[in-house]
Amino acid sequence: MAEEKDPQQNPLDTEMENFDAQEPQAETLDANDPQQAENQAPKTPAENLASALAEANNWKDKYLRLSAEFDNYRKRTTKERLDLVKTAGKDMLVKLLPQMDNFERALKAMENATDVMPIKEGVQLIHANFKDFLKQNGLAEIDALNQDFDTDLHEALTKIPAPTPELKGKVVDVIEKGYLLNDKVVRYAKVVIGE
């Protein structure tokens, strides 16, 4: 027979009665399993502290090793960069050596020369070879004479009256040639402008 509920009874009291009526379920422990017994045993504060210190030391060791490894990497890359800068022009200098040899041969030929014409031809040949060498390595002259003055390519040294009306605002004389290296100005052409 079901019990009748008292309408004036507090619903919280009913909940409490139901809770008290339930039997707590005991966890089943295997007495023969030491790992379960160890996991269930509460750790003392000293054990917790020792465990935390061991973990902190482990992380500290990993941090120190990583820091040392990064420092070694930084030093190695800096040294490699410095070595690269020191030897960056090596290939270019090695390619220039045949030009130097040509100049030395010309100087030696001038010592005993009686005729100027072969010396002149030899120097012109060396000049042409050297210009070809520079061109092969990406260096090009800036064409300035009779061109419109361009501040991106030219450096004006002075202005003079233009010899003809067509040369106003144009380059009338080149004092020093300018050069581009792979389309980037490495030396501006020093020019005289007509006005």
C-alpha atoms as a PDB file:
ATOM      1  CA  MET A   1       0.000   0.000   0.000  1.00  0.00           C
ATOM      2  CA  ALA A   2       1.421   3.373  -1.025  1.00  0.00           C
ATOM      3  CA  GLU A   3       1.929   5.987   1.593  1.00  0.00           C
ATOM      4  CA  GLU A   4      -0.019   9.147   1.215  1.00  0.00           C
ATOM      5  CA  LYS A   5       1.941  12.338   1.103  1.00  0.00           C
ATOM      6  CA  ASP A   6       1.153  15.103   3.473  1.00  0.00           C
ATOM      7  CA  PRO A   7       0.271  18.130   1.356  1.00  0.00           C
ATOM      8  CA  GLN A   8       1.805  20.455   3.955  1.00  0.00           C
ATOM      9  CA  GLN A   9       5.126  18.616   3.964  1.00  0.00           C
ATOM     10  CA  ASN A  10       8.083  20.580   2.567  1.00  0.00           C
ATOM     11  CA  PRO A  11       9.376  19.135  -0.763  1.00  0.00           C
ATOM     12  CA  LEU A  12      12.959  19.504   0.523  1.00  0.00           C
ATOM     13  CA  ASP A  13      12.180  17.232   3.452  1.00  0.00           C
ATOM     14  CA  THR A  14      10.910  14.639   0.994  1.00  0.00           C
ATOM     15  CA  GLU A  15      14.138  14.834  -0.976  1.00  0.00           C
ATOM     16  CA  MET A  16      16.152  14.366   2.213  1.00  0.00           C
ATOM     17  CA  GLU A  17      14.143  11.291   3.153  1.00  0.00           C
ATOM     18  CA  ASN A  18      14.718   9.798  -0.303  1.00  0.00           C
ATOM     19  CA  PHE A  19      18.437  10.549  -0.089  1.00  0.00           C
ATOM     20  CA  ASP A  20      18.733   8.948   3.332  1.00  0.00           C
ATOM     21  CA  ALA A  21      16.853   5.931   2.103  1.00  0.00           C
ATOM     22  CA  GLN A  22      19.376   5.231  -0.642  1.00  0.00           C
ATOM     23  CA  GLU A  23      22.256   3.033   0.371  1.00  0.00           C
ATOM     24  CA  PRO A  24      25.681   4.269  -0.633  1.00  0.00           C
ATOM     25  CA  GLN A  25      27.305   1.938  -3.115  1.00  0.00           C
ATOM     26  CA  ALA A  26      30.685   0.820  -1.907  1.00  0.00           C
ATOM     27  CA  GLU A  27      33.491   0.850  -4.461  1.00  0.00           C
ATOM     28  CA  THR A  28      34.766  -2.557  -5.179  1.00  0.00           C
ATOM     29  CA  LEU A  29      38.488  -2.763  -4.461  1.00  0.00           C
ATOM     30  CA  ASP A  30      40.607  -5.707  -5.268  1.00  0.00           C
ATOM     31  CA  ALA A  31      42.710  -6.288  -2.200  1.00  0.00           C
ATOM     32  CA  ASN A  32      45.310  -8.133  -4.273  1.00  0.00           C
ATOM     33  CA  ASP A  33      45.970  -5.149  -6.647  1.00  0.00           C
ATOM     34  CA  PRO A  34      48.729  -2.936  -5.120  1.00  0.00           C
ATOM     35  CA  GLN A  35      48.400  -0.279  -7.833  1.00  0.00           C
ATOM     36  CA  GLN A  36      44.732   0.297  -6.974  1.00  0.00           C
ATOM     37  CA  ALA A  37      45.609   0.448  -3.303  1.00  0.00           C
ATOM     38  CA  GLU A  38      48.405   2.959  -4.009  1.00  0.00           C
ATOM     39  CA  ASN A  39      46.108   5.143  -6.167  1.00  0.00           C
ATOM     40  CA  GLN A  40      43.431   5.161  -3.495  1.00  0.00           C
ATOM     41  CA  ALA A  41      45.758   5.980  -0.636  1.00  0.00           C
ATOM     42  CA  PRO A  42      45.829   9.743  -0.016  1.00  0.00           C
ATOM     43  CA  LYS A  43      49.236  11.366  -0.507  1.00  0.00           C
ATOM     44  CA  THR A  44      50.798  13.260   2.313  1.00  0.00           C
ATOM     45  CA  PRO A  45      51.754  16.926   1.792  1.00  0.00           C
ATOM     46  CA  ALA A  46      55.438  15.916   1.805  1.00  0.00           C
ATOM     47  CA  GLU A  47      54.813  13.426  -1.024  1.00  0.00           C
ATOM     48  CA  ASN A  48      52.881  16.075  -2.983  1.00  0.00           C
ATOM     49  CA  LEU A  49      55.742  18.532  -2.504  1.00  0.00           C
ATOM     50  CA  ALA A  50      58.355  15.984  -3.567  1.00  0.00           C
ATOM     51  CA  SER A  51      56.320  15.116  -6.660  1.00  0.00           C
ATOM     52  CA  ALA A  52      55.893  18.795  -7.583  1.00  0.00           C
ATOM     53  CA  LEU A  53      59.617  19.488  -7.053  1.00  0.00           C
ATOM     54  CA  ALA A  54      60.566  16.536  -9.256  1.00  0.00           C
ATOM     55  CA  GLU A  55      58.251  17.773 -12.002  1.00  0.00           C
ATOM     56  CA  ALA A  56      59.590  21.355 -11.652  1.00  0.00           C
ATOM     57  CA  ASN A  57      63.190  20.087 -11.899  1.00  0.00           C
ATOM     58  CA  ASN A  58      62.255  18.099 -14.988  1.00  0.00           C
ATOM     59  CA  TRP A  59      60.772  21.195 -16.658  1.00  0.00           C
ATOM     60  CA  LYS A  60      63.757  23.310 -15.584  1.00  0.00           C
ATOM     61  CA  ASP A  61      66.156  20.787 -17.129  1.00  0.00           C
ATOM     62  CA  LYS A  62      64.174  20.763 -20.392  1.00  0.00           C
ATOM     63  CA  TYR A  63      64.157  24.587 -20.446  1.00  0.00           C
ATOM     64  CA  LEU A  64      67.907  24.821 -19.844  1.00  0.00           C
ATOM     65  CA  ARG A  65      68.659  22.284 -22.573  1.00  0.00           C
ATOM     66  CA  LEU A  66      66.379  24.058 -25.047  1.00  0.00           C
ATOM     67  CA  SER A  67      67.878  27.425 -24.154  1.00  0.00           C
ATOM     68  CA  ALA A  68      71.423  26.109 -24.632  1.00  0.00           C
ATOM     69  CA  GLU A  69      70.468  24.503 -27.932  1.00  0.00           C
ATOM     70  CA  PHE A  70      68.965  27.758 -29.198  1.00  0.00           C
ATOM     71  CA  ASP A  71      72.020  29.743 -28.054  1.00  0.00           C
ATOM     72  CA  ASN A  72      74.314  27.334 -29.939  1.00  0.00           C
ATOM     73  CA  TYR A  73      72.102  27.634 -33.041  1.00  0.00           C
ATOM     74  CA  ARG A  74      72.213  31.453 -32.836  1.00  0.00           C
ATOM     75  CA  LYS A  75      76.015  31.484 -32.486  1.00  0.00           C
ATOM     76  CA  ARG A  76      76.444  29.009 -35.359  1.00  0.00           C
ATOM     77  CA  THR A  77      74.213  30.982 -37.751  1.00  0.00           C
ATOM     78  CA  THR A  78      75.931  34.262 -36.819  1.00  0.00           C
ATOM     79  CA  LYS A  79      79.332  32.710 -37.556  1.00  0.00           C
ATOM     80  CA  GLU A  80      78.061  31.302 -40.863  1.00  0.00           C
ATOM     81  CA  ARG A  81      76.690  34.717 -41.827  1.00  0.00           C
ATOM     82  CA  LEU A  82      80.012  36.413 -41.029  1.00  0.00           C
ATOM     83  CA  ASP A  83      81.912  33.800 -43.036  1.00  0.00           C
ATOM     84  CA  LEU A  84      79.535  34.318 -45.955  1.00  0.00           C
ATOM     85  CA  VAL A  85      80.072  38.092 -45.863  1.00  0.00           C
ATOM     86  CA  LYS A  86      83.862  37.647 -45.754  1.00  0.00           C
ATOM     87  CA  THR A  87      83.900  35.342 -48.773  1.00  0.00           C
ATOM     88  CA  ALA A  88      80.946  36.796 -50.705  1.00  0.00           C
ATOM     89  CA  GLY A  89      83.174  38.551 -53.241  1.00  0.00           C
ATOM     90  CA  LYS A  90      85.510  35.575 -53.673  1.00  0.00           C
ATOM     91  CA  ASP A  91      83.909  34.326 -56.888  1.00  0.00           C
ATOM     92  CA  MET A  92      83.959  37.793 -58.440  1.00  0.00           C
ATOM     93  CA  LEU A  93      87.598  38.325 -57.499  1.00  0.00           C
ATOM     94  CA  VAL A  94      88.603  34.972 -58.958  1.00  0.00           C
ATOM     95  CA  LYS A  95      86.876  35.948 -62.221  1.00  0.00           C
ATOM     96  CA  LEU A  96      88.756  39.275 -62.210  1.00  0.00           C
ATOM     97  CA  LEU A  97      92.183  37.647 -62.050  1.00  0.00           C
ATOM     98  CA  PRO A  98      92.422  37.032 -65.852  1.00  0.00           C
ATOM     99  CA  GLN A  99      91.761  40.752 -66.385  1.00  0.00           C
ATOM    100  CA  MET A 100      94.591  41.561 -63.988  1.00  0.00           C
ATOM    101  CA  ASP A 101      96.846  39.166 -65.894  1.00  0.00           C
ATOM    102  CA  ASN A 102      96.007  41.021 -69.138  1.00  0.00           C
ATOM    103  CA  PHE A 103      96.992  44.350 -67.573  1.00  0.00           C
ATOM    104  CA  GLU A 104     100.265  42.924 -66.306  1.00  0.00           C
ATOM    105  CA  ARG A 105     101.099  41.552 -69.781  1.00  0.00           C
ATOM    106  CA  ALA A 106     100.338  44.954 -71.291  1.00  0.00           C
ATOM    107  CA  LEU A 107     102.593  46.711 -68.783  1.00  0.00           C
ATOM    108  CA  LYS A 108     105.409  44.258 -69.513  1.00  0.00           C
ATOM    109  CA  ALA A 109     104.952  44.789 -73.266  1.00  0.00           C
ATOM    110  CA  MET A 110     105.139  48.580 -72.801  1.00  0.00           C
ATOM    111  CA  GLU A 111     108.592  48.365 -71.225  1.00  0.00           C
ATOM    112  CA  ASN A 112     110.302  47.252 -74.432  1.00  0.00           C
ATOM    113  CA  ALA A 113     107.880  48.659 -77.008  1.00  0.00           C
ATOM    114  CA  THR A 114     109.110  51.038 -79.687  1.00  0.00           C
ATOM    115  CA  ASP A 115     105.861  51.243 -81.641  1.00  0.00           C
ATOM    116  CA  VAL A 116     102.801  52.747 -79.927  1.00  0.00           C
ATOM    117  CA  MET A 117     100.148  51.249 -82.224  1.00  0.00           C
ATOM    118  CA  PRO A 118     100.349  47.604 -80.957  1.00  0.00           C
ATOM    119  CA  ILE A 119     100.239  48.862 -77.339  1.00  0.00           C
ATOM    120  CA  LYS A 120      97.171  50.971 -78.114  1.00  0.00           C
ATOM    121  CA  GLU A 121      95.433  47.994 -79.749  1.00  0.00           C
ATOM    122  CA  GLY A 122      96.323  45.771 -76.781  1.00  0.00           C
ATOM    123  CA  VAL A 123      94.912  48.239 -74.258  1.00  0.00           C
ATOM    124  CA  GLN A 124      91.721  48.601 -76.334  1.00  0.00           C
ATOM    125  CA  LEU A 125      91.395  44.804 -76.413  1.00  0.00           C
ATOM    126  CA  ILE A 126      91.836  44.608 -72.609  1.00  0.00           C
ATOM    127  CA  HIS A 127      89.227  47.368 -72.199  1.00  0.00           C
ATOM    128  CA  ALA A 128      86.750  45.532 -74.446  1.00  0.00           C
ATOM    129  CA  ASN A 129      87.334  42.233 -72.588  1.00  0.00           C
ATOM    130  CA  PHE A 130      86.834  43.955 -69.249  1.00  0.00           C
ATOM    131  CA  LYS A 131      83.568  45.611 -70.409  1.00  0.00           C
ATOM    132  CA  ASP A 132      82.314  42.195 -71.616  1.00  0.00           C
ATOM    133  CA  PHE A 133      83.213  40.668 -68.256  1.00  0.00           C
ATOM    134  CA  LEU A 134      81.248  43.370 -66.404  1.00  0.00           C
ATOM    135  CA  LYS A 135      78.267  42.945 -68.736  1.00  0.00           C
ATOM    136  CA  GLN A 136      78.242  39.169 -68.180  1.00  0.00           C
ATOM    137  CA  ASN A 137      78.067  39.817 -64.443  1.00  0.00           C
ATOM    138  CA  GLY A 138      75.022  42.110 -64.695  1.00  0.00           C
ATOM    139  CA  LEU A 139      76.712  45.527 -64.842  1.00  0.00           C
ATOM    140  CA  ALA A 140      75.453  47.925 -67.504  1.00  0.00           C
ATOM    141  CA  GLU A 141      76.291  51.530 -68.362  1.00  0.00           C
ATOM    142  CA  ILE A 142      73.617  54.183 -67.937  1.00  0.00           C
ATOM    143  CA  ASP A 143      73.065  55.850 -71.280  1.00  0.00           C
ATOM    144  CA  ALA A 144      72.990  59.545 -70.355  1.00  0.00           C
ATOM    145  CA  LEU A 145      74.279  61.753 -73.182  1.00  0.00           C
ATOM    146  CA  ASN A 146      71.500  63.726 -74.935  1.00  0.00           C
ATOM    147  CA  GLN A 147      68.874  62.014 -72.726  1.00  0.00           C
ATOM    148  CA  ASP A 148      66.259  63.790 -70.612  1.00  0.00           C
ATOM    149  CA  PHE A 149      67.600  64.495 -67.136  1.00  0.00           C
ATOM    150  CA  ASP A 150      66.332  61.780 -64.755  1.00  0.00           C
ATOM    151  CA  THR A 151      67.048  62.129 -61.026  1.00  0.00           C
ATOM    152  CA  ASP A 152      66.690  58.358 -60.636  1.00  0.00           C
ATOM    153  CA  LEU A 153      69.704  57.808 -62.912  1.00  0.00           C
ATOM    154  CA  HIS A 154      71.660  61.060 -63.080  1.00  0.00           C
ATOM    155  CA  GLU A 155      73.408  63.382 -60.663  1.00  0.00           C
ATOM    156  CA  ALA A 156      73.579  66.965 -61.961  1.00  0.00           C
ATOM    157  CA  LEU A 157      76.903  68.653 -61.287  1.00  0.00           C
ATOM    158  CA  THR A 158      76.121  71.915 -63.058  1.00  0.00           C
ATOM    159  CA  LYS A 159      73.906  73.634 -65.630  1.00  0.00           C
ATOM    160  CA  ILE A 160      75.134  75.413 -68.741  1.00  0.00           C
ATOM    161  CA  PRO A 161      73.319  77.207 -71.550  1.00  0.00           C
ATOM    162  CA  ALA A 162      72.060  74.608 -74.019  1.00  0.00           C
ATOM    163  CA  PRO A 163      73.969  74.647 -77.325  1.00  0.00           C
ATOM    164  CA  THR A 164      70.668  74.050 -79.182  1.00  0.00           C
ATOM    165  CA  PRO A 165      67.029  74.510 -78.144  1.00  0.00           C
ATOM    166  CA  GLU A 166      66.465  70.714 -78.395  1.00  0.00           C
ATOM    167  CA  LEU A 167      68.994  70.090 -75.592  1.00  0.00           C
ATOM    168  CA  LYS A 168      67.176  72.206 -72.971  1.00  0.00           C
ATOM    169  CA  GLY A 169      66.535  70.019 -69.905  1.00  0.00           C
ATOM    170  CA  LYS A 170      68.729  67.282 -71.351  1.00  0.00           C
ATOM    171  CA  VAL A 171      72.178  65.951 -70.530  1.00  0.00           C
ATOM    172  CA  VAL A 172      74.776  67.790 -72.652  1.00  0.00           C
ATOM    173  CA  ASP A 173      77.917  66.241 -71.125  1.00  0.00           C
ATOM    174  CA  VAL A 174      78.792  63.172 -69.008  1.00  0.00           C
ATOM    175  CA  ILE A 175      81.561  63.780 -66.482  1.00  0.00           C
ATOM    176  CA  GLU A 176      81.479  60.280 -64.975  1.00  0.00           C
ATOM    177  CA  LYS A 177      79.528  57.298 -66.310  1.00  0.00           C
ATOM    178  CA  GLY A 178      76.828  55.713 -64.197  1.00  0.00           C
ATOM    179  CA  TYR A 179      76.175  51.989 -63.844  1.00  0.00           C
ATOM    180  CA  LEU A 180      73.277  49.636 -63.156  1.00  0.00           C
ATOM    181  CA  LEU A 181      73.739  46.251 -61.526  1.00  0.00           C
ATOM    182  CA  ASN A 182      70.797  44.016 -62.429  1.00  0.00           C
ATOM    183  CA  ASP A 183      68.615  47.103 -63.072  1.00  0.00           C
ATOM    184  CA  LYS A 184      69.562  48.757 -59.775  1.00  0.00           C
ATOM    185  CA  VAL A 185      71.677  51.915 -59.768  1.00  0.00           C
ATOM    186  CA  VAL A 186      75.083  51.295 -58.209  1.00  0.00           C
ATOM    187  CA  ARG A 187      76.568  54.606 -59.360  1.00  0.00           C
ATOM    188  CA  TYR A 188      74.705  57.635 -60.675  1.00  0.00           C
ATOM    189  CA  ALA A 189      75.955  59.258 -63.866  1.00  0.00           C
ATOM    190  CA  LYS A 190      77.511  62.662 -63.082  1.00  0.00           C
ATOM    191  CA  VAL A 191      76.245  64.977 -65.789  1.00  0.00           C
ATOM    192  CA  VAL A 192      75.976  68.533 -67.036  1.00  0.00           C
ATOM    193  CA  ILE A 193      72.470  69.747 -67.928  1.00  0.00           C
ATOM    194  CA  GLY A 194      71.550  72.229 -70.657  1.00  0.00           C
ATOM    195  CA  GLU A 195      69.148  75.040 -69.765  1.00  0.00           C
END
